[in-house]
Amino acid sequence: MKPTFLTLVQMFQMEGMVALGKMLNPATNELTPNQDHARYVIDILEILKEKTAGNLTEKDQGFLDQTISTLKLNFVELDTKSIPTNGSGT
C-alpha cells in the first residue's frame, strides 16, 4: 500500500483522538488522554495546512480542514481539569 497525503493526515487524526481520550491507545488498550499532546497534534496539522496551502487537491484540503475542525471541537469539549497535561495522571 502506497502512503498518501490522506494517510498522513489520518495518522495524526488517530493520534489526536487517542490524546483526547476519544479512542483507546493501541499500545495499552486503555484511554490515555493527554491535553498537551492533543494540542501538539492540532498544532502540527495547522502547520501542515499552512505549508501546503494552495498545493492540495480539493479532497485533500477538505479532509485536512475537517480533521483539524473535529480535533479542535473535541479539544474544546474537554474538562481540562480532568485531563493530565504531562501524561503522568497528575
PDB file of N, CA and C in Angstrom:
ATOM      1  N   MET A   1       0.836  -1.168   0.000  1.00  0.00           N
ATOM      2  CA  MET A   1       0.000   0.000   0.000  1.00  0.00           C
ATOM      3  C   MET A   1       0.889   1.244   0.000  1.00  0.00           C
ATOM      4  N   LYS A   2       0.635   2.136  -0.901  1.00  0.00           N
ATOM      5  CA  LYS A   2       1.414   3.366  -1.005  1.00  0.00           C
ATOM      6  C   LYS A   2       0.807   4.446  -0.116  1.00  0.00           C
ATOM      7  N   PRO A   3       1.634   5.064   0.741  1.00  0.00           N
ATOM      8  CA  PRO A   3       1.113   6.139   1.588  1.00  0.00           C
ATOM      9  C   PRO A   3       0.693   7.351   0.753  1.00  0.00           C
ATOM     10  N   THR A   4      -0.323   8.033   1.221  1.00  0.00           N
ATOM     11  CA  THR A   4      -0.818   9.225   0.542  1.00  0.00           C
ATOM     12  C   THR A   4      -0.895  10.363   1.553  1.00  0.00           C
ATOM     13  N   PHE A   5      -1.238  11.549   1.087  1.00  0.00           N
ATOM     14  CA  PHE A   5      -1.433  12.684   1.987  1.00  0.00           C
ATOM     15  C   PHE A   5      -2.550  12.375   2.978  1.00  0.00           C
ATOM     16  N   LEU A   6      -3.610  11.732   2.492  1.00  0.00           N
ATOM     17  CA  LEU A   6      -4.723  11.380   3.386  1.00  0.00           C
ATOM     18  C   LEU A   6      -4.260  10.419   4.477  1.00  0.00           C
ATOM     19  N   THR A   7      -3.355   9.505   4.135  1.00  0.00           N
ATOM     20  CA  THR A   7      -2.808   8.570   5.123  1.00  0.00           C
ATOM     21  C   THR A   7      -2.067   9.329   6.220  1.00  0.00           C
ATOM     22  N   LEU A   8      -1.284  10.322   5.817  1.00  0.00           N
ATOM     23  CA  LEU A   8      -0.542  11.138   6.775  1.00  0.00           C
ATOM     24  C   LEU A   8      -1.495  11.873   7.723  1.00  0.00           C
ATOM     25  N   VAL A   9      -2.504  12.513   7.161  1.00  0.00           N
ATOM     26  CA  VAL A   9      -3.463  13.252   7.985  1.00  0.00           C
ATOM     27  C   VAL A   9      -4.221  12.289   8.901  1.00  0.00           C
ATOM     28  N   GLN A  10      -4.584  11.132   8.370  1.00  0.00           N
ATOM     29  CA  GLN A  10      -5.313  10.133   9.163  1.00  0.00           C
ATOM     30  C   GLN A  10      -4.478   9.648  10.346  1.00  0.00           C
ATOM     31  N   MET A  11      -3.170   9.504  10.137  1.00  0.00           N
ATOM     32  CA  MET A  11      -2.276   9.085  11.216  1.00  0.00           C
ATOM     33  C   MET A  11      -2.332  10.103  12.360  1.00  0.00           C
ATOM     34  N   PHE A  12      -2.231  11.398  12.011  1.00  0.00           N
ATOM     35  CA  PHE A  12      -2.311  12.434  13.042  1.00  0.00           C
ATOM     36  C   PHE A  12      -3.710  12.518  13.644  1.00  0.00           C
ATOM     37  N   GLN A  13      -4.730  12.272  12.838  1.00  0.00           N
ATOM     38  CA  GLN A  13      -6.105  12.284  13.338  1.00  0.00           C
ATOM     39  C   GLN A  13      -6.273  11.230  14.436  1.00  0.00           C
ATOM     40  N   MET A  14      -5.801  10.040  14.175  1.00  0.00           N
ATOM     41  CA  MET A  14      -5.913   8.962  15.165  1.00  0.00           C
ATOM     42  C   MET A  14      -5.094   9.278  16.416  1.00  0.00           C
ATOM     43  N   GLU A  15      -3.894   9.802  16.222  1.00  0.00           N
ATOM     44  CA  GLU A  15      -3.054  10.173  17.366  1.00  0.00           C
ATOM     45  C   GLU A  15      -3.738  11.249  18.211  1.00  0.00           C
ATOM     46  N   GLY A  16      -4.362  12.204  17.539  1.00  0.00           N
ATOM     47  CA  GLY A  16      -5.084  13.255  18.250  1.00  0.00           C
ATOM     48  C   GLY A  16      -6.270  12.719  19.027  1.00  0.00           C
ATOM     49  N   MET A  17      -7.013  11.811  18.423  1.00  0.00           N
ATOM     50  CA  MET A  17      -8.179  11.249  19.107  1.00  0.00           C
ATOM     51  C   MET A  17      -7.764  10.416  20.318  1.00  0.00           C
ATOM     52  N   VAL A  18      -6.635   9.731  20.223  1.00  0.00           N
ATOM     53  CA  VAL A  18      -6.114   8.997  21.380  1.00  0.00           C
ATOM     54  C   VAL A  18      -5.726   9.993  22.475  1.00  0.00           C
ATOM     55  N   ALA A  19      -5.042  11.074  22.093  1.00  0.00           N
ATOM     56  CA  ALA A  19      -4.620  12.080  23.075  1.00  0.00           C
ATOM     57  C   ALA A  19      -5.809  12.797  23.707  1.00  0.00           C
ATOM     58  N   LEU A  20      -6.913  12.867  22.990  1.00  0.00           N
ATOM     59  CA  LEU A  20      -8.127  13.484  23.528  1.00  0.00           C
ATOM     60  C   LEU A  20      -8.945  12.515  24.384  1.00  0.00           C
ATOM     61  N   GLY A  21      -8.515  11.261  24.428  1.00  0.00           N
ATOM     62  CA  GLY A  21      -9.246  10.260  25.200  1.00  0.00           C
ATOM     63  C   GLY A  21     -10.502   9.775  24.509  1.00  0.00           C
ATOM     64  N   LYS A  22     -10.570   9.952  23.182  1.00  0.00           N
ATOM     65  CA  LYS A  22     -11.742   9.544  22.403  1.00  0.00           C
ATOM     66  C   LYS A  22     -11.561   8.160  21.776  1.00  0.00           C
ATOM     67  N   MET A  23     -10.326   7.678  21.766  1.00  0.00           N
ATOM     68  CA  MET A  23     -10.012   6.348  21.231  1.00  0.00           C
ATOM     69  C   MET A  23      -9.056   5.661  22.199  1.00  0.00           C
ATOM     70  N   LEU A  24      -9.112   4.334  22.206  1.00  0.00           N
ATOM     71  CA  LEU A  24      -8.181   3.571  23.029  1.00  0.00           C
ATOM     72  C   LEU A  24      -6.771   3.710  22.476  1.00  0.00           C
ATOM     73  N   ASN A  25      -5.810   3.806  23.370  1.00  0.00           N
ATOM     74  CA  ASN A  25      -4.411   3.808  22.982  1.00  0.00           C
ATOM     75  C   ASN A  25      -4.083   2.394  22.506  1.00  0.00           C
ATOM     76  N   PRO A  26      -3.634   2.223  21.260  1.00  0.00           N
ATOM     77  CA  PRO A  26      -3.384   0.872  20.757  1.00  0.00           C
ATOM     78  C   PRO A  26      -2.255   0.150  21.490  1.00  0.00           C
ATOM     79  N   ALA A  27      -1.365   0.877  22.145  1.00  0.00           N
ATOM     80  CA  ALA A  27      -0.265   0.248  22.869  1.00  0.00           C
ATOM     81  C   ALA A  27      -0.710  -0.306  24.217  1.00  0.00           C
ATOM     82  N   THR A  28      -1.724   0.330  24.833  1.00  0.00           N
ATOM     83  CA  THR A  28      -2.146  -0.083  26.171  1.00  0.00           C
ATOM     84  C   THR A  28      -3.574  -0.602  26.219  1.00  0.00           C
ATOM     85  N   ASN A  29      -4.322  -0.369  25.148  1.00  0.00           N
ATOM     86  CA  ASN A  29      -5.736  -0.720  25.076  1.00  0.00           C
ATOM     87  C   ASN A  29      -6.533  -0.028  26.186  1.00  0.00           C
ATOM     88  N   GLU A  30      -6.087   1.180  26.548  1.00  0.00           N
ATOM     89  CA  GLU A  30      -6.763   1.989  27.560  1.00  0.00           C
ATOM     90  C   GLU A  30      -6.918   3.412  27.019  1.00  0.00           C
ATOM     91  N   LEU A  31      -7.819   4.169  27.646  1.00  0.00           N
ATOM     92  CA  LEU A  31      -7.917   5.587  27.323  1.00  0.00           C
ATOM     93  C   LEU A  31      -6.781   6.299  28.045  1.00  0.00           C
ATOM     94  N   THR A  32      -5.988   7.054  27.297  1.00  0.00           N
ATOM     95  CA  THR A  32      -4.836   7.740  27.881  1.00  0.00           C
ATOM     96  C   THR A  32      -4.829   9.206  27.436  1.00  0.00           C
ATOM     97  N   PRO A  33      -5.811   9.988  27.899  1.00  0.00           N
ATOM     98  CA  PRO A  33      -5.880  11.383  27.466  1.00  0.00           C
ATOM     99  C   PRO A  33      -4.683  12.194  27.945  1.00  0.00           C
ATOM    100  N   ASN A  34      -4.251  13.111  27.091  1.00  0.00           N
ATOM    101  CA  ASN A  34      -3.138  13.984  27.409  1.00  0.00           C
ATOM    102  C   ASN A  34      -3.359  15.292  26.659  1.00  0.00           C
ATOM    103  N   GLN A  35      -3.766  16.314  27.373  1.00  0.00           N
ATOM    104  CA  GLN A  35      -4.134  17.597  26.776  1.00  0.00           C
ATOM    105  C   GLN A  35      -2.969  18.232  26.007  1.00  0.00           C
ATOM    106  N   ASP A  36      -1.775  18.192  26.579  1.00  0.00           N
ATOM    107  CA  ASP A  36      -0.620  18.790  25.901  1.00  0.00           C
ATOM    108  C   ASP A  36      -0.343  18.109  24.565  1.00  0.00           C
ATOM    109  N   HIS A  37      -0.422  16.798  24.557  1.00  0.00           N
ATOM    110  CA  HIS A  37      -0.157  16.082  23.309  1.00  0.00           C
ATOM    111  C   HIS A  37      -1.258  16.337  22.284  1.00  0.00           C
ATOM    112  N   ALA A  38      -2.484  16.430  22.732  1.00  0.00           N
ATOM    113  CA  ALA A  38      -3.590  16.744  21.816  1.00  0.00           C
ATOM    114  C   ALA A  38      -3.362  18.109  21.171  1.00  0.00           C
ATOM    115  N   ARG A  39      -2.967  19.082  21.956  1.00  0.00           N
ATOM    116  CA  ARG A  39      -2.669  20.430  21.438  1.00  0.00           C
ATOM    117  C   ARG A  39      -1.518  20.376  20.435  1.00  0.00           C
ATOM    118  N   TYR A  40      -0.499  19.576  20.741  1.00  0.00           N
ATOM    119  CA  TYR A  40       0.662  19.400  19.869  1.00  0.00           C
ATOM    120  C   TYR A  40       0.240  18.847  18.507  1.00  0.00           C
ATOM    121  N   VAL A  41      -0.603  17.834  18.511  1.00  0.00           N
ATOM    122  CA  VAL A  41      -1.070  17.233  17.253  1.00  0.00           C
ATOM    123  C   VAL A  41      -1.870  18.255  16.441  1.00  0.00           C
ATOM    124  N   ILE A  42      -2.732  18.995  17.092  1.00  0.00           N
ATOM    125  CA  ILE A  42      -3.506  20.029  16.392  1.00  0.00           C
ATOM    126  C   ILE A  42      -2.558  21.072  15.799  1.00  0.00           C
ATOM    127  N   ASP A  43      -1.560  21.468  16.561  1.00  0.00           N
ATOM    128  CA  ASP A  43      -0.587  22.446  16.064  1.00  0.00           C
ATOM    129  C   ASP A  43       0.174  21.919  14.846  1.00  0.00           C
ATOM    130  N   ILE A  44       0.558  20.659  14.869  1.00  0.00           N
ATOM    131  CA  ILE A  44       1.247  20.059  13.717  1.00  0.00           C
ATOM    132  C   ILE A  44       0.357  20.117  12.480  1.00  0.00           C
ATOM    133  N   LEU A  45      -0.908  19.769  12.638  1.00  0.00           N
ATOM    134  CA  LEU A  45      -1.831  19.798  11.495  1.00  0.00           C
ATOM    135  C   LEU A  45      -2.041  21.222  10.991  1.00  0.00           C
ATOM    136  N   GLU A  46      -2.060  22.197  11.892  1.00  0.00           N
ATOM    137  CA  GLU A  46      -2.176  23.599  11.483  1.00  0.00           C
ATOM    138  C   GLU A  46      -0.950  24.027  10.667  1.00  0.00           C
ATOM    139  N   ILE A  47       0.237  23.603  11.078  1.00  0.00           N
ATOM    140  CA  ILE A  47       1.452  23.902  10.326  1.00  0.00           C
ATOM    141  C   ILE A  47       1.402  23.233   8.965  1.00  0.00           C
ATOM    142  N   LEU A  48       0.965  21.985   8.936  1.00  0.00           N
ATOM    143  CA  LEU A  48       0.836  21.266   7.670  1.00  0.00           C
ATOM    144  C   LEU A  48      -0.122  21.991   6.736  1.00  0.00           C
ATOM    145  N   LYS A  49      -1.218  22.484   7.277  1.00  0.00           N
ATOM    146  CA  LYS A  49      -2.183  23.240   6.474  1.00  0.00           C
ATOM    147  C   LYS A  49      -1.547  24.507   5.910  1.00  0.00           C
ATOM    148  N   GLU A  50      -0.826  25.215   6.761  1.00  0.00           N
ATOM    149  CA  GLU A  50      -0.180  26.458   6.336  1.00  0.00           C
ATOM    150  C   GLU A  50       0.864  26.202   5.245  1.00  0.00           C
ATOM    151  N   LYS A  51       1.671  25.178   5.421  1.00  0.00           N
ATOM    152  CA  LYS A  51       2.768  24.907   4.498  1.00  0.00           C
ATOM    153  C   LYS A  51       2.312  24.288   3.179  1.00  0.00           C
ATOM    154  N   THR A  52       1.113  23.703   3.162  1.00  0.00           N
ATOM    155  CA  THR A  52       0.618  23.083   1.925  1.00  0.00           C
ATOM    156  C   THR A  52      -0.453  23.926   1.235  1.00  0.00           C
ATOM    157  N   ALA A  53      -0.717  25.121   1.758  1.00  0.00           N
ATOM    158  CA  ALA A  53      -1.768  25.986   1.203  1.00  0.00           C
ATOM    159  C   ALA A  53      -1.555  26.192  -0.299  1.00  0.00           C
ATOM    160  N   GLY A  54      -2.605  25.925  -1.057  1.00  0.00           N
ATOM    161  CA  GLY A  54      -2.563  26.113  -2.498  1.00  0.00           C
ATOM    162  C   GLY A  54      -1.973  24.952  -3.270  1.00  0.00           C
ATOM    163  N   ASN A  55      -1.515  23.926  -2.573  1.00  0.00           N
ATOM    164  CA  ASN A  55      -0.872  22.791  -3.231  1.00  0.00           C
ATOM    165  C   ASN A  55      -1.617  21.469  -3.066  1.00  0.00           C
ATOM    166  N   LEU A  56      -2.801  21.508  -2.475  1.00  0.00           N
ATOM    167  CA  LEU A  56      -3.561  20.283  -2.230  1.00  0.00           C
ATOM    168  C   LEU A  56      -4.748  20.183  -3.164  1.00  0.00           C
ATOM    169  N   THR A  57      -5.159  18.941  -3.402  1.00  0.00           N
ATOM    170  CA  THR A  57      -6.402  18.748  -4.141  1.00  0.00           C
ATOM    171  C   THR A  57      -7.551  19.182  -3.239  1.00  0.00           C
ATOM    172  N   GLU A  58      -8.689  19.379  -3.822  1.00  0.00           N
ATOM    173  CA  GLU A  58      -9.870  19.766  -3.038  1.00  0.00           C
ATOM    174  C   GLU A  58     -10.190  18.698  -1.992  1.00  0.00           C
ATOM    175  N   LYS A  59     -10.057  17.446  -2.380  1.00  0.00           N
ATOM    176  CA  LYS A  59     -10.339  16.337  -1.463  1.00  0.00           C
ATOM    177  C   LYS A  59      -9.358  16.345  -0.286  1.00  0.00           C
ATOM    178  N   ASP A  60      -8.068  16.501  -0.579  1.00  0.00           N
ATOM    179  CA  ASP A  60      -7.064  16.524   0.483  1.00  0.00           C
ATOM    180  C   ASP A  60      -7.264  17.719   1.413  1.00  0.00           C
ATOM    181  N   GLN A  61      -7.520  18.891   0.835  1.00  0.00           N
ATOM    182  CA  GLN A  61      -7.733  20.098   1.638  1.00  0.00           C
ATOM    183  C   GLN A  61      -8.966  19.953   2.518  1.00  0.00           C
ATOM    184  N   GLY A  62     -10.033  19.398   1.959  1.00  0.00           N
ATOM    185  CA  GLY A  62     -11.255  19.195   2.725  1.00  0.00           C
ATOM    186  C   GLY A  62     -11.050  18.245   3.887  1.00  0.00           C
ATOM    187  N   PHE A  63     -10.309  17.163   3.655  1.00  0.00           N
ATOM    188  CA  PHE A  63     -10.058  16.192   4.718  1.00  0.00           C
ATOM    189  C   PHE A  63      -9.197  16.806   5.817  1.00  0.00           C
ATOM    190  N   LEU A  64      -8.176  17.568   5.429  1.00  0.00           N
ATOM    191  CA  LEU A  64      -7.321  18.227   6.414  1.00  0.00           C
ATOM    192  C   LEU A  64      -8.130  19.228   7.233  1.00  0.00           C
ATOM    193  N   ASP A  65      -8.923  20.051   6.570  1.00  0.00           N
ATOM    194  CA  ASP A  65      -9.752  21.039   7.275  1.00  0.00           C
ATOM    195  C   ASP A  65     -10.727  20.367   8.236  1.00  0.00           C
ATOM    196  N   GLN A  66     -11.377  19.304   7.773  1.00  0.00           N
ATOM    197  CA  GLN A  66     -12.347  18.592   8.618  1.00  0.00           C
ATOM    198  C   GLN A  66     -11.667  17.949   9.818  1.00  0.00           C
ATOM    199  N   THR A  67     -10.489  17.394   9.593  1.00  0.00           N
ATOM    200  CA  THR A  67      -9.752  16.758  10.684  1.00  0.00           C
ATOM    201  C   THR A  67      -9.370  17.781  11.747  1.00  0.00           C
ATOM    202  N   ILE A  68      -8.848  18.915  11.314  1.00  0.00           N
ATOM    203  CA  ILE A  68      -8.477  19.972  12.263  1.00  0.00           C
ATOM    204  C   ILE A  68      -9.711  20.447  13.033  1.00  0.00           C
ATOM    205  N   SER A  69     -10.809  20.669  12.329  1.00  0.00           N
ATOM    206  CA  SER A  69     -12.040  21.131  12.988  1.00  0.00           C
ATOM    207  C   SER A  69     -12.536  20.126  14.013  1.00  0.00           C
ATOM    208  N   THR A  70     -12.547  18.859  13.645  1.00  0.00           N
ATOM    209  CA  THR A  70     -13.016  17.810  14.554  1.00  0.00           C
ATOM    210  C   THR A  70     -12.148  17.739  15.802  1.00  0.00           C
ATOM    211  N   LEU A  71     -10.832  17.775  15.620  1.00  0.00           N
ATOM    212  CA  LEU A  71      -9.939  17.717  16.773  1.00  0.00           C
ATOM    213  C   LEU A  71     -10.113  18.946  17.665  1.00  0.00           C
ATOM    214  N   LYS A  72     -10.242  20.121  17.059  1.00  0.00           N
ATOM    215  CA  LYS A  72     -10.432  21.341  17.850  1.00  0.00           C
ATOM    216  C   LYS A  72     -11.734  21.303  18.634  1.00  0.00           C
ATOM    217  N   LEU A  73     -12.811  20.848  18.001  1.00  0.00           N
ATOM    218  CA  LEU A  73     -14.091  20.768  18.705  1.00  0.00           C
ATOM    219  C   LEU A  73     -14.015  19.811  19.885  1.00  0.00           C
ATOM    220  N   ASN A  74     -13.365  18.683  19.685  1.00  0.00           N
ATOM    221  CA  ASN A  74     -13.220  17.723  20.778  1.00  0.00           C
ATOM    222  C   ASN A  74     -12.300  18.264  21.862  1.00  0.00           C
ATOM    223  N   PHE A  75     -11.283  19.023  21.478  1.00  0.00           N
ATOM    224  CA  PHE A  75     -10.376  19.627  22.450  1.00  0.00           C
ATOM    225  C   PHE A  75     -11.128  20.614  23.343  1.00  0.00           C
ATOM    226  N   VAL A  76     -11.980  21.429  22.745  1.00  0.00           N
ATOM    227  CA  VAL A  76     -12.742  22.424  23.492  1.00  0.00           C
ATOM    228  C   VAL A  76     -13.715  21.750  24.458  1.00  0.00           C
ATOM    229  N   GLU A  77     -14.235  20.600  24.085  1.00  0.00           N
ATOM    230  CA  GLU A  77     -15.201  19.892  24.927  1.00  0.00           C
ATOM    231  C   GLU A  77     -14.575  19.304  26.189  1.00  0.00           C
ATOM    232  N   LEU A  78     -13.269  19.197  26.198  1.00  0.00           N
ATOM    233  CA  LEU A  78     -12.608  18.582  27.352  1.00  0.00           C
ATOM    234  C   LEU A  78     -12.789  19.417  28.610  1.00  0.00           C
ATOM    235  N   ASP A  79     -12.950  18.721  29.704  1.00  0.00           N
ATOM    236  CA  ASP A  79     -12.851  19.388  31.000  1.00  0.00           C
ATOM    237  C   ASP A  79     -11.369  19.369  31.338  1.00  0.00           C
ATOM    238  N   THR A  80     -10.692  20.464  31.072  1.00  0.00           N
ATOM    239  CA  THR A  80      -9.233  20.478  31.171  1.00  0.00           C
ATOM    240  C   THR A  80      -8.711  20.108  32.560  1.00  0.00           C
ATOM    241  N   LYS A  81      -9.519  20.256  33.565  1.00  0.00           N
ATOM    242  CA  LYS A  81      -9.065  19.893  34.906  1.00  0.00           C
ATOM    243  C   LYS A  81      -8.981  18.381  35.107  1.00  0.00           C
ATOM    244  N   SER A  82      -9.679  17.632  34.276  1.00  0.00           N
ATOM    245  CA  SER A  82      -9.668  16.177  34.442  1.00  0.00           C
ATOM    246  C   SER A  82      -8.686  15.491  33.505  1.00  0.00           C
ATOM    247  N   ILE A  83      -7.987  16.261  32.682  1.00  0.00           N
ATOM    248  CA  ILE A  83      -7.046  15.698  31.725  1.00  0.00           C
ATOM    249  C   ILE A  83      -5.624  16.055  32.164  1.00  0.00           C
ATOM    250  N   PRO A  84      -4.779  15.037  32.350  1.00  0.00           N
ATOM    251  CA  PRO A  84      -3.396  15.356  32.713  1.00  0.00           C
ATOM    252  C   PRO A  84      -2.685  16.057  31.553  1.00  0.00           C
ATOM    253  N   THR A  85      -1.863  17.032  31.878  1.00  0.00           N
ATOM    254  CA  THR A  85      -1.137  17.759  30.826  1.00  0.00           C
ATOM    255  C   THR A  85       0.215  17.142  30.550  1.00  0.00           C
ATOM    256  N   ASN A  86       0.730  16.359  31.472  1.00  0.00           N
ATOM    257  CA  ASN A  86       2.063  15.798  31.290  1.00  0.00           C
ATOM    258  C   ASN A  86       2.052  14.298  31.060  1.00  0.00           C
ATOM    259  N   GLY A  87       0.886  13.700  30.965  1.00  0.00           N
ATOM    260  CA  GLY A  87       0.789  12.262  30.725  1.00  0.00           C
ATOM    261  C   GLY A  87       1.019  11.414  31.946  1.00  0.00           C
ATOM    262  N   SER A  88       1.242  12.034  33.112  1.00  0.00           N
ATOM    263  CA  SER A  88       1.553  11.262  34.314  1.00  0.00           C
ATOM    264  C   SER A  88       0.322  10.968  35.166  1.00  0.00           C
ATOM    265  N   GLY A  89      -0.823  11.581  34.798  1.00  0.00           N
ATOM    266  CA  GLY A  89      -2.031  11.367  35.564  1.00  0.00           C
ATOM    267  C   GLY A  89      -2.146  12.281  36.759  1.00  0.00           C
ATOM    268  N   THR A  90      -1.239  13.243  36.868  1.00  0.00           N
ATOM    269  CA  THR A  90      -1.296  14.170  37.993  1.00  0.00           C
ATOM    270  C   THR A  90      -1.554  15.566  37.529  1.00  0.00           C
TER     271      THR A  90
END
